[in-house]
Structure formats: structure tokens, C-alpha cells
Amino acid sequence: MINIEIDPRIRQICPQVQIGMIHAQVVNSDTCDELWQEIEAEAEVIAQTYELLAINQRPAIAATRRLYKALGKDPGRYRVASEALCRRIIRGLGLYRLTALIDIVNLVSVKSGYAISGLDADKLVGDTLTMGVGEKDEVYCGIGRGPLNIEGLPVYRDALGGVATPTSDEERTKFTLNTCHVQININAFAPEMPLDEAVNWTSSLLEKYAQATNIETNIKTFQ
């Protein structure tokens, strides 16, 4: 299991921060109908439960937005990924049907409210991920977004550079159909779904839809 460290600035703003960690060997594929039905069912729950302007009041989303503001980033312009997904659902735009690994992460994110970093573990450099604060002009290519200004965003870095933020993961370590080892970090800056439940549910989804084996889990606390 990879080691996780967090910048003291983030810990000071979010003293309750916890990271749910899952590492596993997997087989990725196109999203099957059964998984997509689970996603559509959860999307219907979100659409029936929340209004558009209320979605950012979910505890996990609200805490991540507060962190952005404290670090000097506008959470209305750089939306938390879980918030962005829920907003698409509420606006009737639906979610994209992608691959099993991506859609498992999206499903857990929508239901839990947590921003989740889904990383191809074989593309990580070194044995440690450090969550720090993005710097001015730091090079970062968001998945499907191109160059992303991550100054003031919380960002995971491996030995080579940035790999994930709560807004967008990085192209270098993204899931592909060739991904066979995953490192999934469930970023809980404040509690919403019990984190052990989120970790266990993610693991079960990986077993069911991505043939996961050799699953390792941990919940990292920093107090």
C-alpha cells in the first residue's frame, strides 16, 4: 500500500481529514449494463433529493469547497468533481458511460459526496503520494481538460509531479482499458457517508465489475 502524506496547511484547515485507500489488481472493461443500472438508480436518487443550488451544501462537498476558498481558489469556477457530477444529474444532462473503473469511482463519488482520486498504480512514481497545495505555473494536464491552473488547489504529487486534485485527475495516471492495478483515494475532508462503508462498497464494486483481487484497504488519519 502506498504511503500518503498531507501538507500541514491542509490539515490545519481540515483537521478531520481522512483518506480511504484501496489498492487492487483489476481487469478494466467497458461498463456493463448492470453497473450502468446501478449508476442510473443512484442518479435518480440524487435528482429527487437535491435542488441545484443545494448540492454544494452536502457535508463532503461543502468541506472541500471551504478548503478551496481557504487556499485561495474559487470553488464556483473550479468545481469539486463530486459536485460537478451531481450538478450534471440535477440539470438533466446525465453522466457519461465510460469504463468500469471510471464509472465505479463516479458512482461512489455521487453517492458519498467525496471527491475520489482514481489512479493507475503502475504509472505512479515512487512509494509516496503527498497532498500539497498547487503552485503558480505548475504543469498539470487535467483529464479531458488540457492544461489546468492548479494554483491553490489541493493536489496529490508523486515523485514526478501532480497526479490528482479534487477537481480533476491528471492525464499521466488516468485509468485506461489497459489499467491492471489501481490506487483509489477517497478524500474525506469532512464526514458524510461513513468512510469505512465507502471503502468497503468501493472494494465490492471492484470485485463485482472489475474482477478485483489482492485488495488492500486502509483509512489514513492525520491527527
Protein backbone atom coordinates (compact mmCIF):
# COMPACT_ATOMS: atom_id res chain seq x y z
CA MET A 1 0.00 0.00 0.00
CA ILE A 2 1.33 3.39 -0.99
CA ASN A 3 2.13 5.93 1.73
CA ILE A 4 0.05 9.12 1.97
CA GLU A 5 1.29 12.40 3.45
CA ILE A 6 -0.60 15.71 3.76
CA ASP A 7 0.71 19.27 3.86
CA PRO A 8 0.18 20.84 7.32
CA ARG A 9 -1.69 23.74 5.68
CA ILE A 10 -4.43 21.36 4.57
CA ARG A 11 -4.51 19.58 7.91
CA GLN A 12 -4.90 22.91 9.69
CA ILE A 13 -7.90 23.86 7.54
CA CYS A 14 -9.44 20.36 7.67
CA PRO A 15 -8.28 18.76 10.93
CA GLN A 16 -10.76 15.90 10.47
CA VAL A 17 -9.38 14.92 7.06
CA GLN A 18 -9.22 11.19 6.37
CA ILE A 19 -8.25 9.30 3.25
CA GLY A 20 -9.87 5.96 2.40
CA MET A 21 -7.37 3.95 0.39
CA ILE A 22 -7.94 0.96 -1.92
CA HIS A 23 -5.22 -0.82 -3.85
CA ALA A 24 -6.13 -3.78 -6.06
CA GLN A 25 -5.35 -5.81 -9.13
CA VAL A 26 -8.19 -5.38 -11.65
CA VAL A 27 -9.44 -6.03 -15.16
CA ASN A 28 -10.96 -2.96 -16.77
CA SER A 29 -13.63 -3.13 -19.46
CA ASP A 30 -16.50 -1.20 -20.99
CA THR A 31 -19.22 -0.54 -18.42
CA CYS A 32 -21.72 -3.40 -18.35
CA ASP A 33 -25.49 -2.90 -18.23
CA GLU A 34 -25.78 -3.99 -14.59
CA LEU A 35 -23.26 -1.39 -13.39
CA TRP A 36 -24.91 1.27 -15.53
CA GLN A 37 -28.28 0.44 -13.99
CA GLU A 38 -26.77 1.00 -10.53
CA ILE A 39 -25.48 4.37 -11.68
CA GLU A 40 -28.81 5.37 -13.17
CA ALA A 41 -30.63 4.34 -9.98
CA GLU A 42 -28.32 6.47 -7.83
CA ALA A 43 -28.64 9.36 -10.27
CA GLU A 44 -32.40 9.22 -9.85
CA VAL A 45 -31.98 9.41 -6.06
CA ILE A 46 -29.77 12.49 -6.42
CA ALA A 47 -32.20 14.15 -8.83
CA GLN A 48 -35.12 13.54 -6.46
CA THR A 49 -33.24 14.58 -3.31
CA TYR A 50 -31.38 17.77 -4.18
CA GLU A 51 -32.03 21.05 -5.93
CA LEU A 52 -29.21 22.53 -8.00
CA LEU A 53 -28.31 25.29 -5.56
CA ALA A 54 -28.39 22.91 -2.57
CA ILE A 55 -25.95 20.29 -3.83
CA ASN A 56 -22.94 22.24 -2.56
CA GLN A 57 -24.37 22.01 0.96
CA ARG A 58 -23.68 18.28 1.16
CA PRO A 59 -21.14 17.93 4.01
CA ALA A 60 -18.35 16.36 1.96
CA ILE A 61 -18.75 18.83 -0.90
CA ALA A 62 -19.12 21.84 1.40
CA ALA A 63 -15.92 20.91 3.27
CA THR A 64 -13.94 20.59 0.04
CA ARG A 65 -15.27 23.93 -1.16
CA ARG A 66 -14.24 25.55 2.14
CA LEU A 67 -10.75 24.13 1.67
CA TYR A 68 -10.57 25.63 -1.83
CA LYS A 69 -11.62 29.05 -0.51
CA ALA A 70 -9.11 28.91 2.34
CA LEU A 71 -6.35 28.12 -0.15
CA GLY A 72 -7.42 30.99 -2.40
CA LYS A 73 -9.26 29.01 -5.11
CA ASP A 74 -12.77 29.80 -6.37
CA PRO A 75 -14.86 26.60 -5.94
CA GLY A 76 -17.51 28.03 -8.28
CA ARG A 77 -15.01 28.15 -11.13
CA TYR A 78 -13.04 25.03 -10.19
CA ARG A 79 -15.79 22.69 -9.07
CA VAL A 80 -15.23 19.68 -6.86
CA ALA A 81 -15.65 16.59 -9.06
CA SER A 82 -18.44 15.08 -6.94
CA GLU A 83 -20.32 18.38 -7.09
CA ALA A 84 -19.86 18.61 -10.86
CA LEU A 85 -21.23 15.09 -11.34
CA CYS A 86 -24.28 15.78 -9.17
CA ARG A 87 -24.93 19.07 -10.96
CA ARG A 88 -24.99 17.28 -14.30
CA ILE A 89 -27.55 14.85 -12.94
CA ILE A 90 -29.80 17.54 -11.46
CA ARG A 91 -29.64 19.59 -14.67
CA GLY A 92 -30.79 16.53 -16.63
CA LEU A 93 -27.55 16.18 -18.57
CA GLY A 94 -26.81 12.68 -17.30
CA LEU A 95 -23.40 11.08 -16.83
CA TYR A 96 -21.06 9.76 -19.48
CA ARG A 97 -20.86 5.98 -19.79
CA LEU A 98 -17.15 5.25 -19.86
CA THR A 99 -15.28 2.22 -18.47
CA ALA A 100 -15.97 0.07 -15.44
CA LEU A 101 -13.21 1.62 -13.32
CA ILE A 102 -14.14 5.22 -14.11
CA ASP A 103 -17.84 4.58 -13.60
CA ILE A 104 -17.29 2.76 -10.30
CA VAL A 105 -15.41 5.81 -9.00
CA ASN A 106 -18.14 8.12 -10.31
CA LEU A 107 -20.87 6.04 -8.68
CA VAL A 108 -19.18 6.10 -5.28
CA SER A 109 -18.45 9.81 -5.61
CA VAL A 110 -22.06 10.69 -6.45
CA LYS A 111 -23.48 8.62 -3.59
CA SER A 112 -20.90 9.55 -0.95
CA GLY A 113 -20.24 13.17 -1.87
CA TYR A 114 -16.50 12.59 -1.69
CA ALA A 115 -14.06 13.63 -4.40
CA ILE A 116 -12.17 10.47 -5.33
CA SER A 117 -8.75 10.10 -6.94
CA GLY A 118 -8.67 7.08 -9.25
CA LEU A 119 -5.08 6.34 -10.27
CA ASP A 120 -3.35 3.72 -12.40
CA ALA A 121 -0.95 2.45 -9.75
CA ASP A 122 1.58 1.22 -12.32
CA LYS A 123 2.03 4.79 -13.56
CA LEU A 124 2.81 6.24 -10.14
CA VAL A 125 6.46 7.06 -9.47
CA GLY A 126 7.83 6.30 -6.02
CA ASP A 127 6.14 4.86 -2.94
CA THR A 128 4.56 8.04 -1.54
CA LEU A 129 1.76 10.40 -2.52
CA THR A 130 1.87 13.81 -0.87
CA MET A 131 -1.20 16.05 -0.84
CA GLY A 132 0.07 19.59 -1.02
CA VAL A 133 -1.07 22.90 -2.50
CA GLY A 134 -0.78 23.70 -6.19
CA GLU A 135 1.80 26.31 -7.11
CA LYS A 136 1.76 29.13 -9.65
CA ASP A 137 2.51 27.86 -13.19
CA GLU A 138 2.77 24.24 -12.01
CA VAL A 139 2.34 21.98 -15.03
CA TYR A 140 -0.77 19.85 -14.78
CA CYS A 141 -2.94 18.33 -17.54
CA GLY A 142 -6.46 17.54 -16.33
CA ILE A 143 -8.22 14.55 -17.89
CA GLY A 144 -10.20 15.82 -20.87
CA ARG A 145 -9.47 19.43 -19.86
CA GLY A 146 -5.96 20.13 -21.05
CA PRO A 147 -3.69 22.41 -19.00
CA LEU A 148 -5.34 23.15 -15.65
CA ASN A 149 -4.41 26.02 -13.36
CA ILE A 150 -3.97 24.17 -10.07
CA GLU A 151 -2.52 27.09 -8.10
CA GLY A 152 -4.31 26.98 -4.75
CA LEU A 153 -5.88 23.55 -5.33
CA PRO A 154 -5.11 20.61 -3.07
CA VAL A 155 -3.01 18.30 -5.24
CA TYR A 156 -1.54 14.83 -4.86
CA ARG A 157 2.02 14.56 -6.13
CA ASP A 158 4.17 11.50 -6.70
CA ALA A 159 7.93 11.68 -7.23
CA LEU A 160 7.40 13.07 -10.74
CA GLY A 161 4.67 15.67 -10.11
CA GLY A 162 0.94 16.23 -9.76
CA VAL A 163 -1.39 13.29 -10.32
CA ALA A 164 -4.77 14.26 -8.82
CA THR A 165 -6.86 17.11 -7.45
CA PRO A 166 -10.47 17.02 -6.19
CA THR A 167 -11.42 18.83 -9.42
CA SER A 168 -9.69 16.59 -11.96
CA ASP A 169 -7.16 13.80 -12.05
CA GLU A 170 -4.10 14.07 -14.30
CA GLU A 171 -3.72 12.51 -17.75
CA ARG A 172 -0.48 10.73 -16.82
CA THR A 173 -2.04 8.39 -14.26
CA LYS A 174 -5.61 8.09 -15.59
CA PHE A 175 -7.48 4.79 -15.91
CA THR A 176 -7.41 3.16 -19.35
CA LEU A 177 -8.63 -0.18 -20.63
CA ASN A 178 -5.07 -1.42 -20.03
CA THR A 179 -5.09 -0.49 -16.33
CA CYS A 180 -4.49 -3.58 -14.20
CA HIS A 181 -3.55 -2.08 -10.82
CA VAL A 182 -5.47 0.74 -9.14
CA GLN A 183 -4.81 3.15 -6.31
CA ILE A 184 -8.10 4.78 -5.28
CA ASN A 185 -8.12 7.53 -2.64
CA ILE A 186 -11.46 8.62 -1.18
CA ASN A 187 -10.82 12.16 0.04
CA ALA A 188 -12.92 12.90 3.11
CA PHE A 189 -12.25 16.49 4.17
CA ALA A 190 -15.33 16.19 6.40
CA PRO A 191 -17.52 13.14 7.07
CA GLU A 192 -20.62 12.31 5.08
CA MET A 193 -21.01 8.61 4.20
CA PRO A 194 -19.09 6.67 6.88
CA LEU A 195 -15.67 6.27 5.32
CA ASP A 196 -15.35 2.58 6.14
CA GLU A 197 -18.64 1.99 4.30
CA ALA A 198 -17.39 3.93 1.28
CA VAL A 199 -14.14 1.94 1.21
CA ASN A 200 -15.89 -1.42 1.59
CA TRP A 201 -18.51 -0.56 -1.02
CA THR A 202 -15.84 0.54 -3.50
CA SER A 203 -13.98 -2.72 -2.91
CA SER A 204 -17.13 -4.76 -3.50
CA LEU A 205 -17.87 -2.87 -6.73
CA LEU A 206 -14.32 -3.54 -7.93
CA GLU A 207 -14.75 -7.24 -7.18
CA LYS A 208 -18.12 -7.38 -8.94
CA TYR A 209 -17.40 -5.30 -12.02
CA ALA A 210 -13.61 -5.25 -12.41
CA GLN A 211 -12.61 -8.77 -11.26
CA ALA A 212 -10.57 -7.24 -8.43
CA THR A 213 -8.14 -9.43 -6.50
CA ASN A 214 -5.41 -8.79 -3.92
CA ILE A 215 -7.45 -5.93 -2.49
CA GLU A 216 -5.74 -3.88 0.21
CA THR A 217 -7.60 -1.16 2.11
CA ASN A 218 -6.74 1.38 4.75
CA ILE A 219 -8.15 4.54 6.27
CA LYS A 220 -5.45 7.13 6.85
CA THR A 221 -5.93 9.68 9.61
CA PHE A 222 -3.61 12.58 10.39
CA GLN A 223 -4.48 13.75 13.92
